[in-house]
Amino acid sequence: MHDPGLQPERTSLAWTRTALAVLLNALVVLRGAWVDGSAVLLATGGMLALAACALYGYGVYRGRVLLACEGQVPHPSGLAWVAALVLLACATGATGVAWHQLH
């Protein structure tokens, strides 16, 4: 019998904590959009909320795969999609900051 140890659980918890941190940032940005009435901030908050959902989903998936792998490393293809979504949210935020500075 194979004992995977606590590594899959730690991995899943790390992804969950990261998703929670991104979600809290999304809520702060969405509050700023509500107060300021900025469409760019609204888009940034929405992208961050989507990124938080993607991070959480990938963390759950990765934890299950690691538990079932018995020592094999799963293919990280989902990580590329999560990273692309987070980068898009960052680019949207940077655009919002630049737009706010110009106006």
Protein backbone atom coordinates (compact mmCIF):
# COMPACT_ATOMS: atom_id res chain seq x y z
CA MET A 1 0.00 0.00 0.00
CA HIS A 2 1.31 3.44 -0.98
CA ASP A 3 1.25 6.25 1.59
CA PRO A 4 1.30 9.65 -0.20
CA GLY A 5 1.86 11.49 3.09
CA LEU A 6 0.52 14.98 3.57
CA GLN A 7 1.91 16.53 0.37
CA PRO A 8 -1.39 16.37 -1.59
CA GLU A 9 -3.25 17.92 1.34
CA ARG A 10 -0.67 20.69 1.75
CA THR A 11 -0.80 21.41 -1.98
CA SER A 12 -4.58 21.64 -1.96
CA LEU A 13 -4.56 23.91 1.10
CA ALA A 14 -1.94 26.21 -0.47
CA TRP A 15 -4.05 26.64 -3.61
CA THR A 16 -7.13 27.28 -1.46
CA ARG A 17 -5.33 29.99 0.56
CA THR A 18 -4.09 31.62 -2.65
CA ALA A 19 -7.59 31.56 -4.13
CA LEU A 20 -8.97 33.18 -0.96
CA ALA A 21 -6.33 35.94 -1.11
CA VAL A 22 -7.14 36.67 -4.76
CA LEU A 23 -10.88 36.67 -3.97
CA LEU A 24 -10.38 39.19 -1.16
CA ASN A 25 -8.43 41.42 -3.56
CA ALA A 26 -11.25 41.07 -6.08
CA LEU A 27 -13.77 42.22 -3.46
CA VAL A 28 -11.64 45.25 -2.59
CA VAL A 29 -11.34 46.19 -6.27
CA LEU A 30 -15.08 45.66 -6.83
CA ARG A 31 -15.81 47.94 -3.87
CA GLY A 32 -13.55 50.56 -5.43
CA ALA A 33 -15.44 50.18 -8.70
CA TRP A 34 -18.74 50.65 -6.90
CA VAL A 35 -17.52 53.79 -5.07
CA ASP A 36 -15.68 55.30 -8.05
CA GLY A 37 -18.06 54.12 -10.77
CA SER A 38 -15.11 52.92 -12.86
CA ALA A 39 -15.78 50.35 -15.56
CA VAL A 40 -12.09 49.44 -15.69
CA LEU A 41 -12.07 48.63 -11.97
CA LEU A 42 -15.23 46.61 -12.44
CA ALA A 43 -13.54 44.59 -15.20
CA THR A 44 -10.45 44.11 -13.04
CA GLY A 45 -12.51 42.91 -10.09
CA GLY A 46 -14.42 40.53 -12.32
CA MET A 47 -11.21 39.12 -13.77
CA LEU A 48 -9.77 38.66 -10.27
CA ALA A 49 -12.94 36.89 -9.14
CA LEU A 50 -12.68 34.55 -12.13
CA ALA A 51 -9.01 33.98 -11.35
CA ALA A 52 -9.92 33.10 -7.74
CA CYS A 53 -12.45 30.52 -8.96
CA ALA A 54 -9.93 29.08 -11.39
CA LEU A 55 -7.25 28.89 -8.68
CA TYR A 56 -9.61 27.12 -6.31
CA GLY A 57 -10.77 24.67 -8.97
CA TYR A 58 -7.22 23.89 -10.06
CA GLY A 59 -6.19 23.36 -6.43
CA VAL A 60 -8.97 20.86 -5.85
CA TYR A 61 -8.16 19.08 -9.11
CA ARG A 62 -4.43 18.99 -8.39
CA GLY A 63 -4.96 17.65 -4.87
CA ARG A 64 -7.13 14.81 -6.20
CA VAL A 65 -4.65 13.99 -8.95
CA LEU A 66 -1.74 13.94 -6.51
CA LEU A 67 -3.64 11.60 -4.21
CA ALA A 68 -4.35 9.23 -7.09
CA CYS A 69 -0.89 9.40 -8.74
CA GLU A 70 1.12 7.35 -6.25
CA GLY A 71 4.33 9.30 -6.68
CA GLN A 72 3.96 10.39 -10.30
CA VAL A 73 3.91 14.11 -11.03
CA PRO A 74 0.72 15.17 -12.85
CA HIS A 75 0.93 17.23 -16.03
CA PRO A 76 0.53 20.93 -15.09
CA SER A 77 -1.46 22.01 -18.17
CA GLY A 78 -4.19 23.64 -16.06
CA LEU A 79 -1.61 25.81 -14.37
CA ALA A 80 -0.89 27.59 -17.66
CA TRP A 81 -4.55 28.61 -17.98
CA VAL A 82 -4.68 29.84 -14.39
CA ALA A 83 -1.46 31.82 -14.88
CA ALA A 84 -2.81 33.38 -18.10
CA LEU A 85 -6.01 34.44 -16.33
CA VAL A 86 -4.09 35.99 -13.42
CA LEU A 87 -1.78 37.84 -15.84
CA LEU A 88 -4.81 39.15 -17.73
CA ALA A 89 -6.28 40.41 -14.46
CA CYS A 90 -2.97 42.11 -13.63
CA ALA A 91 -2.83 43.74 -17.07
CA THR A 92 -6.40 44.96 -16.66
CA GLY A 93 -5.51 46.43 -13.26
CA ALA A 94 -2.41 48.15 -14.61
CA THR A 95 -4.49 49.62 -17.43
CA GLY A 96 -7.00 50.86 -14.87
CA VAL A 97 -4.32 52.55 -12.81
CA ALA A 98 -2.82 54.21 -15.91
CA TRP A 99 -6.29 55.30 -17.07
CA HIS A 100 -7.07 56.77 -13.67
CA GLN A 101 -3.78 58.71 -13.63
CA LEU A 102 -4.50 60.24 -17.05
CA HIS A 103 -8.02 61.39 -16.18
